[in-house]
Amino acid sequence: MVRLTCARIVAGLTTSSAATIEVRPEHAGHAMCTLFVGDFDARIAQIAERGLEPAERETYANGVRKATFRDPDGNEIGFGGAPA
């Protein structure tokens, strides 16, 4: 069993990707996962080829991009990428 004691965890997966886990008790039962990937455009294109489009696309002030996908239960997975 893993017990999370902080509000945010950032873990490096490889040299070009990382995962962020945020603990949001007010959203219990609704998972949220964000993966930062080195091949953002290719990854989003591959997902689109399967018929899925992001519910949201964001570009932050520093140029970092994020695409968020949600399932009917409210769970979400986001993919982040470096500036274009």
Protein backbone atom coordinates (compact mmCIF):
# COMPACT_ATOMS: atom_id res chain seq x y z
CA MET A 1 0.00 0.00 0.00
CA VAL A 2 1.23 3.48 -0.89
CA ARG A 3 0.20 6.37 1.29
CA LEU A 4 0.57 9.81 -0.25
CA THR A 5 1.43 12.49 2.25
CA CYS A 6 2.09 15.45 -0.02
CA ALA A 7 -0.13 17.45 -2.34
CA ARG A 8 1.96 16.82 -5.44
CA ILE A 9 4.49 14.25 -6.59
CA VAL A 10 6.63 14.63 -9.70
CA ALA A 11 8.60 11.59 -10.84
CA GLY A 12 10.94 11.22 -13.80
CA LEU A 13 10.18 8.17 -15.92
CA THR A 14 12.86 8.56 -18.60
CA THR A 15 15.11 11.34 -19.81
CA SER A 16 12.24 12.73 -21.90
CA SER A 17 9.16 12.00 -19.79
CA ALA A 18 7.86 12.52 -16.27
CA ALA A 19 4.64 11.84 -14.34
CA THR A 20 2.79 14.18 -12.00
CA ILE A 21 0.34 12.88 -9.40
CA GLU A 22 -1.81 15.37 -7.53
CA VAL A 23 -3.78 14.40 -4.43
CA ARG A 24 -7.18 16.07 -4.63
CA PRO A 25 -9.44 14.60 -1.92
CA GLU A 26 -12.35 16.75 -3.07
CA HIS A 27 -12.33 14.68 -6.27
CA ALA A 28 -12.23 11.25 -4.61
CA GLY A 29 -13.13 8.61 -7.16
CA HIS A 30 -12.05 10.78 -10.08
CA ALA A 31 -8.49 9.98 -11.07
CA MET A 32 -6.22 12.56 -12.65
CA CYS A 33 -2.89 11.68 -14.23
CA THR A 34 -0.58 13.88 -16.31
CA LEU A 35 2.34 12.47 -18.29
CA PHE A 36 4.98 14.78 -19.76
CA VAL A 37 6.21 13.22 -23.00
CA GLY A 38 9.02 14.09 -25.40
CA ASP A 39 6.93 13.25 -28.48
CA PHE A 40 3.82 15.32 -27.65
CA ASP A 41 2.60 16.00 -31.21
CA ALA A 42 3.14 12.40 -32.34
CA ARG A 43 1.46 11.03 -29.21
CA ILE A 44 -1.65 13.21 -29.63
CA ALA A 45 -1.80 12.28 -33.34
CA GLN A 46 -1.64 8.56 -32.47
CA ILE A 47 -4.49 8.96 -30.01
CA ALA A 48 -6.53 10.90 -32.62
CA GLU A 49 -6.02 8.01 -35.09
CA ARG A 50 -7.97 5.89 -32.59
CA GLY A 51 -10.89 8.33 -32.70
CA LEU A 52 -10.22 10.23 -29.47
CA GLU A 53 -9.89 13.99 -29.27
CA PRO A 54 -8.82 15.90 -26.15
CA ALA A 55 -11.51 17.52 -24.03
CA GLU A 56 -9.12 20.43 -23.48
CA ARG A 57 -5.94 21.78 -25.03
CA GLU A 58 -3.84 24.32 -23.18
CA THR A 59 -0.65 26.23 -23.87
CA TYR A 60 0.89 27.84 -20.81
CA ALA A 61 2.71 31.19 -20.80
CA ASN A 62 6.07 29.37 -20.96
CA GLY A 63 4.96 27.48 -24.09
CA VAL A 64 4.40 24.12 -22.40
CA ARG A 65 1.43 22.34 -23.95
CA LYS A 66 -1.17 20.02 -22.41
CA ALA A 67 -3.95 17.89 -23.88
CA THR A 68 -6.50 16.43 -21.46
CA PHE A 69 -8.74 13.43 -22.13
CA ARG A 70 -11.67 12.43 -19.87
CA ASP A 71 -13.76 9.30 -19.58
CA PRO A 72 -17.51 9.32 -18.76
CA ASP A 73 -16.79 8.83 -15.04
CA GLY A 74 -14.72 12.01 -14.84
CA ASN A 75 -11.31 10.35 -14.73
CA GLU A 76 -8.73 12.25 -16.74
CA ILE A 77 -5.36 11.68 -18.28
CA GLY A 78 -3.33 14.55 -19.62
CA PHE A 79 -0.27 14.60 -21.83
CA GLY A 80 2.13 17.49 -21.55
CA GLY A 81 4.85 18.51 -23.97
CA ALA A 82 7.64 21.01 -24.31
CA PRO A 83 7.08 24.22 -26.28
CA ALA A 84 6.71 23.67 -30.04
